[in-house]
Amino acid sequence: MFNDIGKLVVIAGLATVVIGLLLIGPGKTGTWNGFNWFGNLPFDFKIEKENFRLYFPMGSSIVISMLLSIIFYLFNKFIR
């Protein structure tokens, strides 16, 4: 039982590192800006007034939720 949980934690950690490198690396070199669309999706609400700023990224949250659901489904499918 703990062996399976350990595998899942290692895989999740590696996936987090890879995603982090994809997000940080190109921003430092300035050569690739593939995530400009993220945060500007439909249902990403931005309200800016004189002394008030609200950003509610509902569309981006839906995309992240779908991607994580697919990833966890595949982990569950291949680990068991």
N, C-alpha and C. Protein backbone atom coordinates (compact mmCIF):
# COMPACT_ATOMS: atom_id res chain seq x y z
N MET A 1 0.82 -1.19 0.00
CA MET A 1 0.00 0.00 0.00
C MET A 1 0.86 1.26 0.00
N PHE A 2 1.85 1.34 0.89
CA PHE A 2 2.69 2.52 0.96
C PHE A 2 3.59 2.63 -0.28
N ASN A 3 3.87 1.50 -0.90
CA ASN A 3 4.68 1.49 -2.11
C ASN A 3 3.95 2.23 -3.23
N ASP A 4 2.65 2.01 -3.37
CA ASP A 4 1.87 2.68 -4.40
C ASP A 4 1.76 4.18 -4.12
N ILE A 5 1.57 4.53 -2.87
CA ILE A 5 1.47 5.95 -2.52
C ILE A 5 2.81 6.64 -2.78
N GLY A 6 3.89 5.95 -2.49
CA GLY A 6 5.22 6.52 -2.75
C GLY A 6 5.44 6.77 -4.23
N LYS A 7 5.02 5.83 -5.07
CA LYS A 7 5.14 6.02 -6.52
C LYS A 7 4.33 7.22 -6.98
N LEU A 8 3.13 7.36 -6.45
CA LEU A 8 2.27 8.46 -6.83
C LEU A 8 2.88 9.80 -6.42
N VAL A 9 3.46 9.87 -5.23
CA VAL A 9 4.07 11.10 -4.76
C VAL A 9 5.28 11.46 -5.62
N VAL A 10 6.09 10.48 -5.99
CA VAL A 10 7.26 10.73 -6.83
C VAL A 10 6.83 11.21 -8.21
N ILE A 11 5.83 10.58 -8.80
CA ILE A 11 5.36 10.97 -10.13
C ILE A 11 4.76 12.37 -10.08
N ALA A 12 3.97 12.66 -9.05
CA ALA A 12 3.37 13.99 -8.92
C ALA A 12 4.46 15.05 -8.73
N GLY A 13 5.49 14.74 -7.98
CA GLY A 13 6.59 15.67 -7.80
C GLY A 13 7.35 15.94 -9.08
N LEU A 14 7.60 14.89 -9.84
CA LEU A 14 8.29 15.06 -11.12
C LEU A 14 7.44 15.88 -12.10
N ALA A 15 6.14 15.62 -12.11
CA ALA A 15 5.25 16.39 -12.99
C ALA A 15 5.24 17.86 -12.58
N THR A 16 5.27 18.13 -11.28
CA THR A 16 5.29 19.51 -10.80
C THR A 16 6.58 20.21 -11.21
N VAL A 17 7.69 19.51 -11.12
CA VAL A 17 8.98 20.10 -11.53
C VAL A 17 8.98 20.39 -13.03
N VAL A 18 8.49 19.47 -13.83
CA VAL A 18 8.46 19.67 -15.28
C VAL A 18 7.58 20.86 -15.64
N ILE A 19 6.40 20.95 -15.04
CA ILE A 19 5.50 22.07 -15.31
C ILE A 19 6.14 23.38 -14.86
N GLY A 20 6.79 23.37 -13.70
CA GLY A 20 7.47 24.57 -13.23
C GLY A 20 8.58 25.02 -14.16
N LEU A 21 9.35 24.08 -14.68
CA LEU A 21 10.41 24.43 -15.62
C LEU A 21 9.84 24.98 -16.93
N LEU A 22 8.72 24.42 -17.36
CA LEU A 22 8.08 24.92 -18.57
C LEU A 22 7.58 26.35 -18.38
N LEU A 23 7.13 26.68 -17.19
CA LEU A 23 6.62 28.02 -16.94
C LEU A 23 7.72 29.04 -16.68
N ILE A 24 8.79 28.64 -16.01
CA ILE A 24 9.85 29.57 -15.64
C ILE A 24 10.89 29.72 -16.75
N GLY A 25 11.33 28.63 -17.31
CA GLY A 25 12.43 28.64 -18.26
C GLY A 25 12.27 29.58 -19.44
N PRO A 26 11.20 29.45 -20.21
CA PRO A 26 11.07 30.33 -21.38
C PRO A 26 10.90 31.80 -21.01
N GLY A 27 10.36 32.09 -19.87
CA GLY A 27 10.19 33.49 -19.46
C GLY A 27 11.53 34.19 -19.25
N LYS A 28 12.54 33.45 -18.83
CA LYS A 28 13.85 34.04 -18.60
C LYS A 28 14.57 34.32 -19.91
N THR A 29 14.38 33.46 -20.90
CA THR A 29 15.06 33.66 -22.17
C THR A 29 14.30 34.61 -23.07
N GLY A 30 12.98 34.69 -22.89
CA GLY A 30 12.17 35.60 -23.70
C GLY A 30 11.91 35.09 -25.10
N THR A 31 12.24 33.83 -25.37
CA THR A 31 12.09 33.32 -26.73
C THR A 31 10.72 32.72 -26.98
N TRP A 32 10.05 32.24 -25.94
CA TRP A 32 8.78 31.56 -26.13
C TRP A 32 7.78 32.07 -25.12
N ASN A 33 6.67 32.53 -25.59
CA ASN A 33 5.61 33.03 -24.72
C ASN A 33 4.33 32.26 -25.01
N GLY A 34 4.33 30.99 -24.80
CA GLY A 34 3.20 30.15 -25.14
C GLY A 34 2.05 30.21 -24.17
N PHE A 35 2.23 30.83 -23.00
CA PHE A 35 1.17 30.88 -22.00
C PHE A 35 0.56 32.27 -21.89
N ASN A 36 0.67 33.09 -22.91
CA ASN A 36 0.05 34.42 -22.87
C ASN A 36 -1.47 34.33 -22.82
N TRP A 37 -2.03 33.31 -23.41
CA TRP A 37 -3.48 33.13 -23.43
C TRP A 37 -4.02 32.79 -22.05
N PHE A 38 -3.18 32.22 -21.20
CA PHE A 38 -3.64 31.78 -19.89
C PHE A 38 -3.89 32.98 -18.99
N GLY A 39 -5.05 33.07 -18.44
CA GLY A 39 -5.45 34.22 -17.64
C GLY A 39 -6.29 35.20 -18.42
N ASN A 40 -6.42 34.97 -19.72
CA ASN A 40 -7.25 35.82 -20.57
C ASN A 40 -8.32 35.00 -21.27
N LEU A 41 -8.72 33.91 -20.66
CA LEU A 41 -9.74 33.04 -21.23
C LEU A 41 -11.13 33.62 -20.98
N PRO A 42 -12.13 33.13 -21.73
CA PRO A 42 -13.49 33.51 -21.37
C PRO A 42 -13.79 33.05 -19.94
N PHE A 43 -14.57 33.77 -19.24
CA PHE A 43 -14.93 33.53 -17.83
C PHE A 43 -13.79 33.88 -16.87
N ASP A 44 -12.73 34.50 -17.34
CA ASP A 44 -11.73 35.10 -16.45
C ASP A 44 -12.15 36.55 -16.24
N PHE A 45 -12.75 36.82 -15.10
CA PHE A 45 -13.34 38.12 -14.85
C PHE A 45 -12.30 39.08 -14.27
N LYS A 46 -12.23 40.27 -14.88
CA LYS A 46 -11.35 41.33 -14.40
C LYS A 46 -12.19 42.58 -14.18
N ILE A 47 -12.19 43.06 -12.98
CA ILE A 47 -12.91 44.29 -12.65
C ILE A 47 -11.89 45.25 -12.05
N GLU A 48 -11.70 46.37 -12.72
CA GLU A 48 -10.75 47.38 -12.24
C GLU A 48 -11.47 48.71 -12.11
N LYS A 49 -11.42 49.26 -10.92
CA LYS A 49 -11.98 50.58 -10.66
C LYS A 49 -10.90 51.44 -10.02
N GLU A 50 -11.27 52.59 -9.58
CA GLU A 50 -10.28 53.54 -9.08
C GLU A 50 -9.44 52.98 -7.93
N ASN A 51 -10.08 52.48 -6.89
CA ASN A 51 -9.36 51.95 -5.73
C ASN A 51 -9.65 50.48 -5.50
N PHE A 52 -10.01 49.79 -6.54
CA PHE A 52 -10.43 48.40 -6.39
C PHE A 52 -10.03 47.61 -7.62
N ARG A 53 -9.49 46.43 -7.39
CA ARG A 53 -9.13 45.55 -8.49
C ARG A 53 -9.50 44.12 -8.10
N LEU A 54 -10.27 43.44 -8.95
CA LEU A 54 -10.69 42.07 -8.70
C LEU A 54 -10.38 41.23 -9.93
N TYR A 55 -9.74 40.12 -9.71
CA TYR A 55 -9.46 39.17 -10.78
C TYR A 55 -9.94 37.81 -10.33
N PHE A 56 -10.91 37.26 -11.05
CA PHE A 56 -11.49 35.96 -10.70
C PHE A 56 -11.30 35.03 -11.89
N PRO A 57 -10.26 34.16 -11.88
CA PRO A 57 -9.93 33.34 -13.05
C PRO A 57 -10.75 32.04 -13.12
N MET A 58 -12.05 32.16 -13.38
CA MET A 58 -12.89 30.97 -13.44
C MET A 58 -12.56 30.11 -14.66
N GLY A 59 -12.36 30.71 -15.81
CA GLY A 59 -12.05 29.95 -17.02
C GLY A 59 -10.72 29.21 -16.90
N SER A 60 -9.72 29.87 -16.36
CA SER A 60 -8.42 29.23 -16.16
C SER A 60 -8.53 28.10 -15.14
N SER A 61 -9.36 28.29 -14.11
CA SER A 61 -9.55 27.24 -13.11
C SER A 61 -10.21 26.01 -13.71
N ILE A 62 -11.14 26.23 -14.63
CA ILE A 62 -11.79 25.10 -15.30
C ILE A 62 -10.78 24.33 -16.14
N VAL A 63 -9.92 25.04 -16.86
CA VAL A 63 -8.90 24.37 -17.68
C VAL A 63 -7.94 23.57 -16.80
N ILE A 64 -7.49 24.14 -15.69
CA ILE A 64 -6.59 23.44 -14.78
C ILE A 64 -7.28 22.22 -14.20
N SER A 65 -8.55 22.35 -13.83
CA SER A 65 -9.30 21.24 -13.27
C SER A 65 -9.42 20.09 -14.28
N MET A 66 -9.70 20.42 -15.52
CA MET A 66 -9.80 19.36 -16.54
C MET A 66 -8.46 18.67 -16.76
N LEU A 67 -7.38 19.44 -16.83
CA LEU A 67 -6.06 18.84 -17.03
C LEU A 67 -5.66 17.94 -15.86
N LEU A 68 -5.91 18.41 -14.63
CA LEU A 68 -5.59 17.58 -13.47
C LEU A 68 -6.45 16.33 -13.40
N SER A 69 -7.72 16.43 -13.79
CA SER A 69 -8.58 15.26 -13.81
C SER A 69 -8.07 14.21 -14.79
N ILE A 70 -7.64 14.66 -15.95
CA ILE A 70 -7.09 13.73 -16.95
C ILE A 70 -5.80 13.10 -16.43
N ILE A 71 -4.93 13.90 -15.84
CA ILE A 71 -3.66 13.38 -15.32
C ILE A 71 -3.90 12.35 -14.23
N PHE A 72 -4.78 12.67 -13.26
CA PHE A 72 -5.05 11.73 -12.18
C PHE A 72 -5.75 10.48 -12.68
N TYR A 73 -6.60 10.61 -13.69
CA TYR A 73 -7.24 9.43 -14.29
C TYR A 73 -6.19 8.52 -14.90
N LEU A 74 -5.23 9.11 -15.62
CA LEU A 74 -4.19 8.29 -16.24
C LEU A 74 -3.28 7.66 -15.20
N PHE A 75 -2.95 8.39 -14.13
CA PHE A 75 -2.17 7.80 -13.05
C PHE A 75 -2.90 6.62 -12.45
N ASN A 76 -4.16 6.79 -12.18
CA ASN A 76 -4.96 5.73 -11.58
C ASN A 76 -5.07 4.52 -12.52
N LYS A 77 -5.19 4.80 -13.80
CA LYS A 77 -5.33 3.73 -14.81
C LYS A 77 -4.05 2.89 -14.90
N PHE A 78 -2.89 3.55 -14.88
CA PHE A 78 -1.64 2.84 -15.12
C PHE A 78 -0.97 2.33 -13.84
N ILE A 79 -1.29 2.88 -12.68
CA ILE A 79 -0.66 2.42 -11.45
C ILE A 79 -1.32 1.15 -10.94
N ARG A 80 -2.62 1.04 -11.09
CA ARG A 80 -3.32 -0.15 -10.59
C ARG A 80 -3.20 -1.30 -11.52
